[in-house]
Amino acid sequence: MPDAITVPAAVKPVTQPDASAAPAKGAKLRTSSFKVPGEGSSGTISVVTVLALLVLWAVVTNIGWIKPLFLPSPRAVFQQFYEYLTGQANDKPLWQHFLASMFRVFSAFLLACATAIPVGIAMGMSRWARGIFDPPLEFYRPLPPLAYLPLIIIWFGIDELPKVLLIFLSCFAPLALAARSGMRSASQEQMNAAYSMGASYMQVIRHVILPSALPDILVGMRIAIGFGWTTLVAAEMVAANVGLGQMVLNASNFLRTDIVIMGIIVIGVVAYLFDLLMRWMERRLVPWKGRM
């Protein structure tokens, strides 16, 4: 006779989750910044920080802890901004300096986009292109612009060309390297799926690889425009008589710290607006970034 099957004396029943513990329908789950790094908007914190720095600047200068030669008051800086803006300063109006600098930066940046992005794409797709362009890019990329500025002056003179060329070289390397890195963003599964549906090699590049590389290219454009704008002062050292960088350099020769700080603030605000423009382009052109 087979052995009797023993049944456990007590089996713990499976409990259903308590319905009262579940969030109400339509209620938004609240997460903590400790659970999701970087969660939440920082706009208010940034505004408060800027206001606190301005208040500290005003207090320090009004009390007299720092002499006006080293740090003028915000009122003196704003007065110089108003005089340059309205043409009352003993110099060219601010809009002339601004337009000259914008022409140099944007012409160099657009030229770099038209040349560096194709070079980066070629480097990402061809070992021959990578072998040709990689050594000179990696050689000159770490060099500061002032290192090869004298050579550019000797070769190209002191007209507008050396200024634009110096900014162009500072934009070229980050754009080319970003485009090269972006060409490897497409996964092998995406390419194989396109091939399985009958796509040709060029169609895979156009419809799969290039869209995948676009976020990296846009990041490279943000970095490049920043490098180009920071090279502006060095570029306008080459016998320039107009431009934001020239305005700052000329004021520093006469110890006009208020004009120097005013020019630095203008250059910084314009650079920040450039960055906001590039972020807007990213949201419009690559809305899928960070969601895949």
C-alpha atoms as a PDB file:
ATOM      1  CA  MET A   1       0.000   0.000   0.000  1.00  0.00           C
ATOM      2  CA  PRO A   2       1.535   3.353  -0.996  1.00  0.00           C
ATOM      3  CA  ASP A   3       2.581   5.807   1.629  1.00  0.00           C
ATOM      4  CA  ALA A   4      -0.029   8.344   2.622  1.00  0.00           C
ATOM      5  CA  ILE A   5       0.502  11.841   1.348  1.00  0.00           C
ATOM      6  CA  THR A   6       1.022  14.218   4.198  1.00  0.00           C
ATOM      7  CA  VAL A   7      -0.765  17.534   3.985  1.00  0.00           C
ATOM      8  CA  PRO A   8       0.700  20.508   5.844  1.00  0.00           C
ATOM      9  CA  ALA A   9      -1.287  21.477   8.850  1.00  0.00           C
ATOM     10  CA  ALA A  10      -1.607  25.095   7.827  1.00  0.00           C
ATOM     11  CA  VAL A  11      -0.948  26.908   4.591  1.00  0.00           C
ATOM     12  CA  LYS A  12      -0.423  30.627   4.708  1.00  0.00           C
ATOM     13  CA  PRO A  13      -3.063  32.229   2.489  1.00  0.00           C
ATOM     14  CA  VAL A  14      -1.946  34.527  -0.313  1.00  0.00           C
ATOM     15  CA  THR A  15      -2.838  38.051   0.692  1.00  0.00           C
ATOM     16  CA  GLN A  16      -4.040  40.543  -1.868  1.00  0.00           C
ATOM     17  CA  PRO A  17      -2.609  44.030  -1.788  1.00  0.00           C
ATOM     18  CA  ASP A  18      -4.594  46.464   0.239  1.00  0.00           C
ATOM     19  CA  ALA A  19      -6.643  48.632  -2.087  1.00  0.00           C
ATOM     20  CA  SER A  20      -6.512  51.505   0.384  1.00  0.00           C
ATOM     21  CA  ALA A  21      -2.719  51.635   0.097  1.00  0.00           C
ATOM     22  CA  ALA A  22      -2.847  52.244  -3.658  1.00  0.00           C
ATOM     23  CA  PRO A  23      -2.779  55.861  -4.816  1.00  0.00           C
ATOM     24  CA  ALA A  24      -6.049  57.405  -5.786  1.00  0.00           C
ATOM     25  CA  LYS A  25      -6.953  57.453  -9.451  1.00  0.00           C
ATOM     26  CA  GLY A  26      -5.480  60.467 -11.174  1.00  0.00           C
ATOM     27  CA  ALA A  27      -3.137  61.246  -8.288  1.00  0.00           C
ATOM     28  CA  LYS A  28       0.440  62.049  -9.360  1.00  0.00           C
ATOM     29  CA  LEU A  29       3.133  59.934  -7.786  1.00  0.00           C
ATOM     30  CA  ARG A  30       5.620  62.063  -5.941  1.00  0.00           C
ATOM     31  CA  THR A  31       9.268  61.196  -6.328  1.00  0.00           C
ATOM     32  CA  SER A  32      12.209  62.460  -4.374  1.00  0.00           C
ATOM     33  CA  SER A  33      15.351  64.047  -5.768  1.00  0.00           C
ATOM     34  CA  PHE A  34      17.297  61.443  -3.826  1.00  0.00           C
ATOM     35  CA  LYS A  35      15.665  58.670  -5.897  1.00  0.00           C
ATOM     36  CA  VAL A  36      16.030  60.388  -9.281  1.00  0.00           C
ATOM     37  CA  PRO A  37      19.347  62.281  -9.589  1.00  0.00           C
ATOM     38  CA  GLY A  38      18.922  65.801 -10.893  1.00  0.00           C
ATOM     39  CA  GLU A  39      15.136  65.757 -10.611  1.00  0.00           C
ATOM     40  CA  GLY A  40      13.271  69.048 -10.638  1.00  0.00           C
ATOM     41  CA  SER A  41      13.784  72.494 -12.097  1.00  0.00           C
ATOM     42  CA  SER A  42      16.710  74.649 -11.003  1.00  0.00           C
ATOM     43  CA  GLY A  43      15.480  77.914 -12.540  1.00  0.00           C
ATOM     44  CA  THR A  44      14.433  79.490  -9.251  1.00  0.00           C
ATOM     45  CA  ILE A  45      17.704  78.511  -7.586  1.00  0.00           C
ATOM     46  CA  SER A  46      19.667  80.063 -10.466  1.00  0.00           C
ATOM     47  CA  VAL A  47      17.718  83.333 -10.278  1.00  0.00           C
ATOM     48  CA  VAL A  48      18.238  83.551  -6.517  1.00  0.00           C
ATOM     49  CA  THR A  49      21.961  82.825  -6.942  1.00  0.00           C
ATOM     50  CA  VAL A  50      22.378  85.599  -9.532  1.00  0.00           C
ATOM     51  CA  LEU A  51      20.486  88.089  -7.370  1.00  0.00           C
ATOM     52  CA  ALA A  52      22.571  87.136  -4.329  1.00  0.00           C
ATOM     53  CA  LEU A  53      25.799  87.697  -6.285  1.00  0.00           C
ATOM     54  CA  LEU A  54      24.571  91.103  -7.484  1.00  0.00           C
ATOM     55  CA  VAL A  55      23.632  92.121  -3.947  1.00  0.00           C
ATOM     56  CA  LEU A  56      27.008  90.954  -2.635  1.00  0.00           C
ATOM     57  CA  TRP A  57      28.763  92.885  -5.415  1.00  0.00           C
ATOM     58  CA  ALA A  58      26.822  96.061  -4.566  1.00  0.00           C
ATOM     59  CA  VAL A  59      27.439  95.731  -0.830  1.00  0.00           C
ATOM     60  CA  VAL A  60      31.169  95.097  -1.192  1.00  0.00           C
ATOM     61  CA  THR A  61      31.694  98.059  -3.533  1.00  0.00           C
ATOM     62  CA  ASN A  62      29.483 100.493  -1.608  1.00  0.00           C
ATOM     63  CA  ILE A  63      31.136  99.744   1.725  1.00  0.00           C
ATOM     64  CA  GLY A  64      34.527 100.292   0.138  1.00  0.00           C
ATOM     65  CA  TRP A  65      36.132  96.955   0.862  1.00  0.00           C
ATOM     66  CA  ILE A  66      37.489  96.889  -2.700  1.00  0.00           C
ATOM     67  CA  LYS A  67      38.724  99.949  -4.564  1.00  0.00           C
ATOM     68  CA  PRO A  68      36.833 100.946  -7.749  1.00  0.00           C
ATOM     69  CA  LEU A  69      40.017 100.419  -9.768  1.00  0.00           C
ATOM     70  CA  PHE A  70      39.820  96.690  -9.044  1.00  0.00           C
ATOM     71  CA  LEU A  71      36.044  96.268  -8.810  1.00  0.00           C
ATOM     72  CA  PRO A  72      33.720  99.114  -9.817  1.00  0.00           C
ATOM     73  CA  SER A  73      30.172  99.259  -8.525  1.00  0.00           C
ATOM     74  CA  PRO A  74      27.264  97.792 -10.501  1.00  0.00           C
ATOM     75  CA  ARG A  75      25.989 101.340 -11.018  1.00  0.00           C
ATOM     76  CA  ALA A  76      29.241 102.392 -12.713  1.00  0.00           C
ATOM     77  CA  VAL A  77      29.181  99.328 -14.952  1.00  0.00           C
ATOM     78  CA  PHE A  78      25.563  99.945 -15.908  1.00  0.00           C
ATOM     79  CA  GLN A  79      26.400 103.596 -16.624  1.00  0.00           C
ATOM     80  CA  GLN A  80      29.071 102.511 -19.114  1.00  0.00           C
ATOM     81  CA  PHE A  81      26.651 100.063 -20.696  1.00  0.00           C
ATOM     82  CA  TYR A  82      24.104 102.860 -21.136  1.00  0.00           C
ATOM     83  CA  GLU A  83      26.679 105.221 -22.640  1.00  0.00           C
ATOM     84  CA  TYR A  84      27.920 102.589 -25.109  1.00  0.00           C
ATOM     85  CA  LEU A  85      24.372 101.596 -25.957  1.00  0.00           C
ATOM     86  CA  THR A  86      23.304 105.165 -26.702  1.00  0.00           C
ATOM     87  CA  GLY A  87      26.549 106.198 -28.424  1.00  0.00           C
ATOM     88  CA  GLN A  88      27.610 108.674 -25.728  1.00  0.00           C
ATOM     89  CA  ALA A  89      30.916 106.932 -24.923  1.00  0.00           C
ATOM     90  CA  ASN A  90      34.257 108.086 -26.347  1.00  0.00           C
ATOM     91  CA  ASP A  91      34.293 105.025 -28.547  1.00  0.00           C
ATOM     92  CA  LYS A  92      32.228 103.339 -31.216  1.00  0.00           C
ATOM     93  CA  PRO A  93      28.671 102.434 -30.173  1.00  0.00           C
ATOM     94  CA  LEU A  94      28.067  99.031 -28.658  1.00  0.00           C
ATOM     95  CA  TRP A  95      26.072  97.814 -31.647  1.00  0.00           C
ATOM     96  CA  GLN A  96      29.079  98.298 -33.946  1.00  0.00           C
ATOM     97  CA  HIS A  97      31.305  96.236 -31.649  1.00  0.00           C
ATOM     98  CA  PHE A  98      28.564  93.638 -31.359  1.00  0.00           C
ATOM     99  CA  LEU A  99      27.938  93.296 -35.106  1.00  0.00           C
ATOM    100  CA  ALA A 100      31.655  93.033 -35.880  1.00  0.00           C
ATOM    101  CA  SER A 101      32.117  90.238 -33.342  1.00  0.00           C
ATOM    102  CA  MET A 102      28.968  88.444 -34.494  1.00  0.00           C
ATOM    103  CA  PHE A 103      30.156  88.516 -38.097  1.00  0.00           C
ATOM    104  CA  ARG A 104      33.523  86.999 -37.198  1.00  0.00           C
ATOM    105  CA  VAL A 105      32.136  84.327 -34.916  1.00  0.00           C
ATOM    106  CA  PHE A 106      29.211  83.249 -37.076  1.00  0.00           C
ATOM    107  CA  SER A 107      31.119  83.258 -40.352  1.00  0.00           C
ATOM    108  CA  ALA A 108      33.798  81.065 -38.791  1.00  0.00           C
ATOM    109  CA  PHE A 109      31.210  78.838 -37.121  1.00  0.00           C
ATOM    110  CA  LEU A 110      29.174  78.302 -40.305  1.00  0.00           C
ATOM    111  CA  LEU A 111      32.342  77.572 -42.265  1.00  0.00           C
ATOM    112  CA  ALA A 112      33.387  75.063 -39.602  1.00  0.00           C
ATOM    113  CA  CYS A 113      29.961  73.375 -39.743  1.00  0.00           C
ATOM    114  CA  ALA A 114      30.179  73.102 -43.542  1.00  0.00           C
ATOM    115  CA  THR A 115      33.611  71.449 -43.411  1.00  0.00           C
ATOM    116  CA  ALA A 116      34.060  69.754 -40.027  1.00  0.00           C
ATOM    117  CA  ILE A 117      30.776  67.815 -39.990  1.00  0.00           C
ATOM    118  CA  PRO A 118      31.449  66.087 -43.361  1.00  0.00           C
ATOM    119  CA  VAL A 119      35.002  65.360 -42.217  1.00  0.00           C
ATOM    120  CA  GLY A 120      33.714  63.839 -38.973  1.00  0.00           C
ATOM    121  CA  ILE A 121      31.149  61.756 -40.850  1.00  0.00           C
ATOM    122  CA  ALA A 122      33.868  60.519 -43.193  1.00  0.00           C
ATOM    123  CA  MET A 123      36.087  59.657 -40.215  1.00  0.00           C
ATOM    124  CA  GLY A 124      33.275  57.642 -38.685  1.00  0.00           C
ATOM    125  CA  MET A 125      32.574  55.721 -41.898  1.00  0.00           C
ATOM    126  CA  SER A 126      36.034  55.207 -43.396  1.00  0.00           C
ATOM    127  CA  ARG A 127      39.281  54.053 -41.866  1.00  0.00           C
ATOM    128  CA  TRP A 128      41.141  55.907 -44.625  1.00  0.00           C
ATOM    129  CA  ALA A 129      39.542  59.220 -43.655  1.00  0.00           C
ATOM    130  CA  ARG A 130      40.148  58.453 -39.991  1.00  0.00           C
ATOM    131  CA  GLY A 131      43.801  57.736 -40.668  1.00  0.00           C
ATOM    132  CA  ILE A 132      44.230  60.958 -42.663  1.00  0.00           C
ATOM    133  CA  PHE A 133      42.396  63.470 -40.490  1.00  0.00           C
ATOM    134  CA  ASP A 134      42.866  62.057 -36.990  1.00  0.00           C
ATOM    135  CA  PRO A 135      46.612  62.895 -36.511  1.00  0.00           C
ATOM    136  CA  PRO A 136      46.400  66.622 -37.407  1.00  0.00           C
ATOM    137  CA  LEU A 137      43.152  67.030 -35.424  1.00  0.00           C
ATOM    138  CA  GLU A 138      44.553  65.424 -32.297  1.00  0.00           C
ATOM    139  CA  PHE A 139      47.772  67.419 -32.686  1.00  0.00           C
ATOM    140  CA  TYR A 140      46.328  70.932 -32.876  1.00  0.00           C
ATOM    141  CA  ARG A 141      43.175  70.383 -30.773  1.00  0.00           C
ATOM    142  CA  PRO A 142      44.909  70.797 -27.356  1.00  0.00           C
ATOM    143  CA  LEU A 143      46.905  73.839 -28.501  1.00  0.00           C
ATOM    144  CA  PRO A 144      45.721  77.216 -27.183  1.00  0.00           C
ATOM    145  CA  PRO A 145      44.834  79.670 -29.971  1.00  0.00           C
ATOM    146  CA  LEU A 146      47.489  82.147 -28.826  1.00  0.00           C
ATOM    147  CA  ALA A 147      50.145  79.518 -29.570  1.00  0.00           C
ATOM    148  CA  TYR A 148      49.572  79.573 -33.341  1.00  0.00           C
ATOM    149  CA  LEU A 149      48.269  83.145 -33.561  1.00  0.00           C
ATOM    150  CA  PRO A 150      51.697  84.605 -34.551  1.00  0.00           C
ATOM    151  CA  LEU A 151      52.015  82.050 -37.335  1.00  0.00           C
ATOM    152  CA  ILE A 152      48.561  82.930 -38.682  1.00  0.00           C
ATOM    153  CA  ILE A 153      49.511  86.627 -38.690  1.00  0.00           C
ATOM    154  CA  ILE A 154      52.715  85.882 -40.618  1.00  0.00           C
ATOM    155  CA  TRP A 155      50.872  83.760 -43.186  1.00  0.00           C
ATOM    156  CA  PHE A 156      47.654  85.763 -43.651  1.00  0.00           C
ATOM    157  CA  GLY A 157      48.379  89.322 -42.519  1.00  0.00           C
ATOM    158  CA  ILE A 158      46.268  91.446 -40.189  1.00  0.00           C
ATOM    159  CA  ASP A 159      42.970  91.781 -42.077  1.00  0.00           C
ATOM    160  CA  GLU A 160      39.723  89.962 -41.253  1.00  0.00           C
ATOM    161  CA  LEU A 161      40.953  86.599 -42.561  1.00  0.00           C
ATOM    162  CA  PRO A 162      43.268  85.722 -39.632  1.00  0.00           C
ATOM    163  CA  LYS A 163      40.556  86.622 -37.121  1.00  0.00           C
ATOM    164  CA  VAL A 164      37.976  84.396 -38.810  1.00  0.00           C
ATOM    165  CA  LEU A 165      40.548  81.650 -39.337  1.00  0.00           C
ATOM    166  CA  LEU A 166      41.531  81.596 -35.669  1.00  0.00           C
ATOM    167  CA  ILE A 167      37.890  81.187 -34.597  1.00  0.00           C
ATOM    168  CA  PHE A 168      37.363  78.610 -37.357  1.00  0.00           C
ATOM    169  CA  LEU A 169      40.201  76.448 -36.069  1.00  0.00           C
ATOM    170  CA  SER A 170      38.819  76.562 -32.526  1.00  0.00           C
ATOM    171  CA  CYS A 171      35.398  75.379 -33.804  1.00  0.00           C
ATOM    172  CA  PHE A 172      36.623  72.759 -36.272  1.00  0.00           C
ATOM    173  CA  ALA A 173      38.069  70.113 -33.944  1.00  0.00           C
ATOM    174  CA  PRO A 174      35.118  69.672 -31.527  1.00  0.00           C
ATOM    175  CA  LEU A 175      32.664  69.584 -34.441  1.00  0.00           C
ATOM    176  CA  ALA A 176      34.623  66.944 -36.349  1.00  0.00           C
ATOM    177  CA  LEU A 177      35.157  64.744 -33.291  1.00  0.00           C
ATOM    178  CA  ALA A 178      31.485  65.006 -32.268  1.00  0.00           C
ATOM    179  CA  ALA A 179      30.346  64.001 -35.763  1.00  0.00           C
ATOM    180  CA  ARG A 180      32.790  61.094 -35.757  1.00  0.00           C
ATOM    181  CA  SER A 181      31.511  59.902 -32.378  1.00  0.00           C
ATOM    182  CA  GLY A 182      27.899  60.275 -33.483  1.00  0.00           C
ATOM    183  CA  MET A 183      28.384  58.026 -36.492  1.00  0.00           C
ATOM    184  CA  ARG A 184      28.820  55.129 -34.071  1.00  0.00           C
ATOM    185  CA  SER A 185      25.614  55.846 -32.159  1.00  0.00           C
ATOM    186  CA  ALA A 186      23.371  53.658 -34.323  1.00  0.00           C
ATOM    187  CA  SER A 187      23.081  50.121 -32.970  1.00  0.00           C
ATOM    188  CA  GLN A 188      23.802  47.081 -35.091  1.00  0.00           C
ATOM    189  CA  GLU A 189      20.207  45.910 -34.586  1.00  0.00           C
ATOM    190  CA  GLN A 190      18.867  49.094 -36.181  1.00  0.00           C
ATOM    191  CA  MET A 191      21.117  48.714 -39.200  1.00  0.00           C
ATOM    192  CA  ASN A 192      20.309  45.019 -39.592  1.00  0.00           C
ATOM    193  CA  ALA A 193      16.596  45.796 -39.396  1.00  0.00           C
ATOM    194  CA  ALA A 194      16.975  48.356 -42.187  1.00  0.00           C
ATOM    195  CA  TYR A 195      18.969  45.899 -44.315  1.00  0.00           C
ATOM    196  CA  SER A 196      16.352  43.187 -43.758  1.00  0.00           C
ATOM    197  CA  MET A 197      13.687  45.522 -45.155  1.00  0.00           C
ATOM    198  CA  GLY A 198      15.665  45.988 -48.349  1.00  0.00           C
ATOM    199  CA  ALA A 199      17.519  49.247 -47.590  1.00  0.00           C
ATOM    200  CA  SER A 200      20.711  49.932 -49.466  1.00  0.00           C
ATOM    201  CA  TYR A 201      24.004  51.003 -47.883  1.00  0.00           C
ATOM    202  CA  MET A 202      23.409  54.686 -48.629  1.00  0.00           C
ATOM    203  CA  GLN A 203      19.823  54.468 -47.357  1.00  0.00           C
ATOM    204  CA  VAL A 204      21.054  53.006 -44.082  1.00  0.00           C
ATOM    205  CA  ILE A 205      23.489  55.900 -43.728  1.00  0.00           C
ATOM    206  CA  ARG A 206      20.826  58.492 -44.550  1.00  0.00           C
ATOM    207  CA  HIS A 207      17.869  57.111 -42.610  1.00  0.00           C
ATOM    208  CA  VAL A 208      19.515  55.233 -39.715  1.00  0.00           C
ATOM    209  CA  ILE A 209      23.073  56.359 -39.016  1.00  0.00           C
ATOM    210  CA  LEU A 210      22.764  60.103 -39.626  1.00  0.00           C
ATOM    211  CA  PRO A 211      19.599  60.540 -37.476  1.00  0.00           C
ATOM    212  CA  SER A 212      21.350  58.613 -34.699  1.00  0.00           C
ATOM    213  CA  ALA A 213      24.405  60.870 -35.046  1.00  0.00           C
ATOM    214  CA  LEU A 214      22.398  64.110 -35.011  1.00  0.00           C
ATOM    215  CA  PRO A 215      22.247  64.478 -31.182  1.00  0.00           C
ATOM    216  CA  ASP A 216      26.030  64.186 -30.913  1.00  0.00           C
ATOM    217  CA  ILE A 217      26.500  66.626 -33.804  1.00  0.00           C
ATOM    218  CA  LEU A 218      24.270  69.187 -32.086  1.00  0.00           C
ATOM    219  CA  VAL A 219      26.223  68.775 -28.841  1.00  0.00           C
ATOM    220  CA  GLY A 220      29.395  69.347 -30.850  1.00  0.00           C
ATOM    221  CA  MET A 221      27.862  72.505 -32.296  1.00  0.00           C
ATOM    222  CA  ARG A 222      27.127  73.781 -28.773  1.00  0.00           C
ATOM    223  CA  ILE A 223      30.704  73.128 -27.707  1.00  0.00           C
ATOM    224  CA  ALA A 224      32.116  74.621 -30.914  1.00  0.00           C
ATOM    225  CA  ILE A 225      30.184  77.888 -30.672  1.00  0.00           C
ATOM    226  CA  GLY A 226      31.389  78.195 -27.084  1.00  0.00           C
ATOM    227  CA  PHE A 227      35.003  77.669 -28.121  1.00  0.00           C
ATOM    228  CA  GLY A 228      34.609  80.136 -30.963  1.00  0.00           C
ATOM    229  CA  TRP A 229      33.172  82.800 -28.685  1.00  0.00           C
ATOM    230  CA  THR A 230      35.915  82.339 -26.083  1.00  0.00           C
ATOM    231  CA  THR A 231      38.527  82.706 -28.839  1.00  0.00           C
ATOM    232  CA  LEU A 232      37.012  86.053 -29.818  1.00  0.00           C
ATOM    233  CA  VAL A 233      39.289  88.138 -27.587  1.00  0.00           C
ATOM    234  CA  ALA A 234      42.389  86.401 -28.936  1.00  0.00           C
ATOM    235  CA  ALA A 235      41.167  86.823 -32.519  1.00  0.00           C
ATOM    236  CA  GLU A 236      40.498  90.525 -32.078  1.00  0.00           C
ATOM    237  CA  MET A 237      44.018  91.094 -30.795  1.00  0.00           C
ATOM    238  CA  VAL A 238      45.068  91.039 -34.459  1.00  0.00           C
ATOM    239  CA  ALA A 239      44.977  94.768 -35.277  1.00  0.00           C
ATOM    240  CA  ALA A 240      41.238  95.091 -34.744  1.00  0.00           C
ATOM    241  CA  ASN A 241      39.662  98.507 -34.279  1.00  0.00           C
ATOM    242  CA  VAL A 242      36.124  97.273 -33.573  1.00  0.00           C
ATOM    243  CA  GLY A 243      34.638  94.284 -31.751  1.00  0.00           C
ATOM    244  CA  LEU A 244      33.694  93.280 -28.222  1.00  0.00           C
ATOM    245  CA  GLY A 245      37.067  91.704 -27.570  1.00  0.00           C
ATOM    246  CA  GLN A 246      38.864  94.770 -28.895  1.00  0.00           C
ATOM    247  CA  MET A 247      36.693  96.984 -26.683  1.00  0.00           C
ATOM    248  CA  VAL A 248      37.735  95.007 -23.597  1.00  0.00           C
ATOM    249  CA  LEU A 249      41.413  94.981 -24.542  1.00  0.00           C
ATOM    250  CA  ASN A 250      41.466  98.692 -25.328  1.00  0.00           C
ATOM    251  CA  ALA A 251      39.761  99.527 -22.013  1.00  0.00           C
ATOM    252  CA  SER A 252      42.237  97.391 -20.080  1.00  0.00           C
ATOM    253  CA  ASN A 253      45.126  99.412 -21.512  1.00  0.00           C
ATOM    254  CA  PHE A 254      43.671 102.535 -19.856  1.00  0.00           C
ATOM    255  CA  LEU A 255      42.694 100.742 -16.615  1.00  0.00           C
ATOM    256  CA  ARG A 256      38.986 101.301 -17.302  1.00  0.00           C
ATOM    257  CA  THR A 257      37.789  98.411 -15.198  1.00  0.00           C
ATOM    258  CA  ASP A 258      34.155  99.457 -15.492  1.00  0.00           C
ATOM    259  CA  ILE A 259      34.281  99.096 -19.299  1.00  0.00           C
ATOM    260  CA  VAL A 260      36.187  95.820 -18.991  1.00  0.00           C
ATOM    261  CA  ILE A 261      33.555  94.308 -16.692  1.00  0.00           C
ATOM    262  CA  MET A 262      30.754  95.674 -18.869  1.00  0.00           C
ATOM    263  CA  GLY A 263      32.309  94.023 -21.941  1.00  0.00           C
ATOM    264  CA  ILE A 264      32.826  90.745 -20.085  1.00  0.00           C
ATOM    265  CA  ILE A 265      29.177  90.710 -19.008  1.00  0.00           C
ATOM    266  CA  VAL A 266      28.005  91.406 -22.568  1.00  0.00           C
ATOM    267  CA  ILE A 267      30.216  88.636 -23.953  1.00  0.00           C
ATOM    268  CA  GLY A 268      28.972  86.208 -21.288  1.00  0.00           C
ATOM    269  CA  VAL A 269      25.291  87.052 -21.830  1.00  0.00           C
ATOM    270  CA  VAL A 270      25.624  86.623 -25.606  1.00  0.00           C
ATOM    271  CA  ALA A 271      27.367  83.281 -25.109  1.00  0.00           C
ATOM    272  CA  TYR A 272      24.548  82.147 -22.808  1.00  0.00           C
ATOM    273  CA  LEU A 273      21.975  83.168 -25.437  1.00  0.00           C
ATOM    274  CA  PHE A 274      23.911  81.112 -27.986  1.00  0.00           C
ATOM    275  CA  ASP A 275      23.680  78.118 -25.687  1.00  0.00           C
ATOM    276  CA  LEU A 276      19.937  78.621 -25.199  1.00  0.00           C
ATOM    277  CA  LEU A 277      19.533  78.775 -28.983  1.00  0.00           C
ATOM    278  CA  MET A 278      21.392  75.490 -29.419  1.00  0.00           C
ATOM    279  CA  ARG A 279      19.285  73.852 -26.684  1.00  0.00           C
ATOM    280  CA  TRP A 280      16.139  74.996 -28.483  1.00  0.00           C
ATOM    281  CA  MET A 281      17.449  73.495 -31.715  1.00  0.00           C
ATOM    282  CA  GLU A 282      18.100  70.218 -29.911  1.00  0.00           C
ATOM    283  CA  ARG A 283      14.532  70.091 -28.612  1.00  0.00           C
ATOM    284  CA  ARG A 284      13.165  70.819 -32.084  1.00  0.00           C
ATOM    285  CA  LEU A 285      15.414  68.556 -34.144  1.00  0.00           C
ATOM    286  CA  VAL A 286      15.995  65.607 -31.811  1.00  0.00           C
ATOM    287  CA  PRO A 287      12.938  65.383 -29.509  1.00  0.00           C
ATOM    288  CA  TRP A 288      13.697  61.706 -28.908  1.00  0.00           C
ATOM    289  CA  LYS A 289      17.022  62.438 -27.212  1.00  0.00           C
ATOM    290  CA  GLY A 290      17.115  60.953 -23.711  1.00  0.00           C
ATOM    291  CA  ARG A 291      13.843  59.050 -24.177  1.00  0.00           C
ATOM    292  CA  MET A 292      15.190  55.911 -25.807  1.00  0.00           C
END
